[in-house]
Amino acid sequence: MTNVDGSVTIVGEERNTLVRLFYLRSGLRLELQGIRLTAKAPSCYSIVKSELGFKGNKQNVYNQLVEYILEYAHELYLAGLVSVDELLQWEKGIQ
């Protein structure tokens, strides 16, 4: 939901999950470029592999994650939890 001042409020467990997936995708994209977000915490690559069960190298896991996010967003739309505008905005942001 966009507020009057332009900020965004995320409401609902499903949307929080989607936002977390977007953050993991962003972190994994940085890891593909050789940039690690932190030296002490697990990498986004290892988090995605362990939580979602994806297999392969970083590029393959990234591609699988992008597909997973798109499928998850479509499921939220079909369940009536997100609007068409939100869905299109997320699809645009993921490409």
C-alpha atoms as a PDB file:
ATOM      1  CA  MET A   1       0.000   0.000   0.000  1.00  0.00           C
ATOM      2  CA  THR A   2       1.424   3.405  -0.979  1.00  0.00           C
ATOM      3  CA  ASN A   3       0.998   6.144   1.611  1.00  0.00           C
ATOM      4  CA  VAL A   4       0.316   9.824   0.975  1.00  0.00           C
ATOM      5  CA  ASP A   5       3.978  10.709   1.501  1.00  0.00           C
ATOM      6  CA  GLY A   6       5.084   8.133  -1.101  1.00  0.00           C
ATOM      7  CA  SER A   7       6.330   5.554   1.383  1.00  0.00           C
ATOM      8  CA  VAL A   8       5.182   1.943   1.130  1.00  0.00           C
ATOM      9  CA  THR A   9       3.624  -0.160   3.875  1.00  0.00           C
ATOM     10  CA  ILE A  10       3.794  -3.947   3.579  1.00  0.00           C
ATOM     11  CA  VAL A  11       0.856  -5.695   5.264  1.00  0.00           C
ATOM     12  CA  GLY A  12       0.328  -9.442   5.522  1.00  0.00           C
ATOM     13  CA  GLU A  13       2.527 -12.488   5.890  1.00  0.00           C
ATOM     14  CA  GLU A  14       2.363 -13.358   2.182  1.00  0.00           C
ATOM     15  CA  ARG A  15       3.548  -9.902   1.150  1.00  0.00           C
ATOM     16  CA  ASN A  16       6.328  -9.992   3.738  1.00  0.00           C
ATOM     17  CA  THR A  17       7.459 -13.288   2.241  1.00  0.00           C
ATOM     18  CA  LEU A  18       7.450 -11.746  -1.234  1.00  0.00           C
ATOM     19  CA  VAL A  19       9.507  -8.760  -0.062  1.00  0.00           C
ATOM     20  CA  ARG A  20      11.999 -11.135   1.602  1.00  0.00           C
ATOM     21  CA  LEU A  21      12.306 -13.051  -1.667  1.00  0.00           C
ATOM     22  CA  PHE A  22      13.037  -9.788  -3.475  1.00  0.00           C
ATOM     23  CA  TYR A  23      15.786  -8.981  -0.951  1.00  0.00           C
ATOM     24  CA  LEU A  24      17.294 -12.434  -1.381  1.00  0.00           C
ATOM     25  CA  ARG A  25      17.202 -11.969  -5.162  1.00  0.00           C
ATOM     26  CA  SER A  26      18.979  -8.611  -4.839  1.00  0.00           C
ATOM     27  CA  GLY A  27      21.623 -10.106  -2.554  1.00  0.00           C
ATOM     28  CA  LEU A  28      22.148 -13.060  -4.871  1.00  0.00           C
ATOM     29  CA  ARG A  29      22.525 -10.709  -7.836  1.00  0.00           C
ATOM     30  CA  LEU A  30      25.296  -8.892  -5.936  1.00  0.00           C
ATOM     31  CA  GLU A  31      26.935 -12.207  -5.088  1.00  0.00           C
ATOM     32  CA  LEU A  32      26.953 -13.061  -8.803  1.00  0.00           C
ATOM     33  CA  GLN A  33      29.040  -9.912  -9.284  1.00  0.00           C
ATOM     34  CA  GLY A  34      31.439 -10.971  -6.527  1.00  0.00           C
ATOM     35  CA  ILE A  35      30.049  -8.707  -3.782  1.00  0.00           C
ATOM     36  CA  ARG A  36      29.186 -10.313  -0.442  1.00  0.00           C
ATOM     37  CA  LEU A  37      26.716  -8.487   1.812  1.00  0.00           C
ATOM     38  CA  THR A  38      28.329  -9.660   5.043  1.00  0.00           C
ATOM     39  CA  ALA A  39      31.193 -11.909   6.012  1.00  0.00           C
ATOM     40  CA  LYS A  40      29.540 -13.365   9.128  1.00  0.00           C
ATOM     41  CA  ALA A  41      25.982 -14.184   8.049  1.00  0.00           C
ATOM     42  CA  PRO A  42      25.146 -16.936   5.571  1.00  0.00           C
ATOM     43  CA  SER A  43      25.222 -15.905   1.926  1.00  0.00           C
ATOM     44  CA  CYS A  44      21.984 -15.312   0.039  1.00  0.00           C
ATOM     45  CA  TYR A  45      23.024 -18.193  -2.210  1.00  0.00           C
ATOM     46  CA  SER A  46      23.169 -20.629   0.723  1.00  0.00           C
ATOM     47  CA  ILE A  47      19.912 -19.300   2.228  1.00  0.00           C
ATOM     48  CA  VAL A  48      18.019 -19.727  -1.043  1.00  0.00           C
ATOM     49  CA  LYS A  49      19.450 -23.207  -1.640  1.00  0.00           C
ATOM     50  CA  SER A  50      18.628 -24.434   1.855  1.00  0.00           C
ATOM     51  CA  GLU A  51      15.177 -22.854   2.216  1.00  0.00           C
ATOM     52  CA  LEU A  52      13.848 -23.448  -1.293  1.00  0.00           C
ATOM     53  CA  GLY A  53      15.828 -26.561  -2.189  1.00  0.00           C
ATOM     54  CA  PHE A  54      17.262 -25.183  -5.428  1.00  0.00           C
ATOM     55  CA  LYS A  55      20.275 -26.913  -6.980  1.00  0.00           C
ATOM     56  CA  GLY A  56      23.125 -25.671  -9.148  1.00  0.00           C
ATOM     57  CA  ASN A  57      25.578 -22.811  -9.368  1.00  0.00           C
ATOM     58  CA  LYS A  58      24.766 -19.229  -8.408  1.00  0.00           C
ATOM     59  CA  GLN A  59      23.447 -18.276 -11.852  1.00  0.00           C
ATOM     60  CA  ASN A  60      21.144 -21.304 -12.025  1.00  0.00           C
ATOM     61  CA  VAL A  61      19.869 -20.685  -8.492  1.00  0.00           C
ATOM     62  CA  TYR A  62      19.269 -17.012  -9.373  1.00  0.00           C
ATOM     63  CA  ASN A  63      17.231 -18.009 -12.452  1.00  0.00           C
ATOM     64  CA  GLN A  64      15.208 -20.498 -10.409  1.00  0.00           C
ATOM     65  CA  LEU A  65      14.564 -17.841  -7.755  1.00  0.00           C
ATOM     66  CA  VAL A  66      13.285 -15.338 -10.330  1.00  0.00           C
ATOM     67  CA  GLU A  67      10.849 -17.943 -11.674  1.00  0.00           C
ATOM     68  CA  TYR A  68       9.774 -18.839  -8.139  1.00  0.00           C
ATOM     69  CA  ILE A  69       9.090 -15.188  -7.276  1.00  0.00           C
ATOM     70  CA  LEU A  70       6.980 -14.709 -10.399  1.00  0.00           C
ATOM     71  CA  GLU A  71       4.972 -17.861  -9.660  1.00  0.00           C
ATOM     72  CA  TYR A  72       4.498 -16.810  -6.010  1.00  0.00           C
ATOM     73  CA  ALA A  73       3.301 -13.342  -7.036  1.00  0.00           C
ATOM     74  CA  HIS A  74       0.814 -14.876  -9.483  1.00  0.00           C
ATOM     75  CA  GLU A  75      -0.510 -17.151  -6.738  1.00  0.00           C
ATOM     76  CA  LEU A  76      -1.051 -14.116  -4.500  1.00  0.00           C
ATOM     77  CA  TYR A  77      -2.918 -12.410  -7.331  1.00  0.00           C
ATOM     78  CA  LEU A  78      -5.117 -15.460  -7.965  1.00  0.00           C
ATOM     79  CA  ALA A  79      -5.897 -15.654  -4.243  1.00  0.00           C
ATOM     80  CA  GLY A  80      -6.994 -12.006  -4.344  1.00  0.00           C
ATOM     81  CA  LEU A  81      -4.226 -10.844  -2.006  1.00  0.00           C
ATOM     82  CA  VAL A  82      -2.614  -8.421  -4.463  1.00  0.00           C
ATOM     83  CA  SER A  83      -4.011  -6.161  -7.169  1.00  0.00           C
ATOM     84  CA  VAL A  84      -3.260  -6.268 -10.879  1.00  0.00           C
ATOM     85  CA  ASP A  85      -1.228  -3.047 -10.527  1.00  0.00           C
ATOM     86  CA  GLU A  86       0.937  -4.570  -7.803  1.00  0.00           C
ATOM     87  CA  LEU A  87       1.458  -7.734  -9.819  1.00  0.00           C
ATOM     88  CA  LEU A  88       2.530  -5.791 -12.912  1.00  0.00           C
ATOM     89  CA  GLN A  89       4.824  -3.601 -10.816  1.00  0.00           C
ATOM     90  CA  TRP A  90       6.531  -6.668  -9.317  1.00  0.00           C
ATOM     91  CA  GLU A  91       6.903  -8.334 -12.702  1.00  0.00           C
ATOM     92  CA  LYS A  92       8.463  -5.153 -14.083  1.00  0.00           C
ATOM     93  CA  GLY A  93      10.853  -4.948 -11.117  1.00  0.00           C
ATOM     94  CA  ILE A  94      12.013  -8.534 -11.447  1.00  0.00           C
ATOM     95  CA  GLN A  95      12.986  -8.344 -15.120  1.00  0.00           C
END
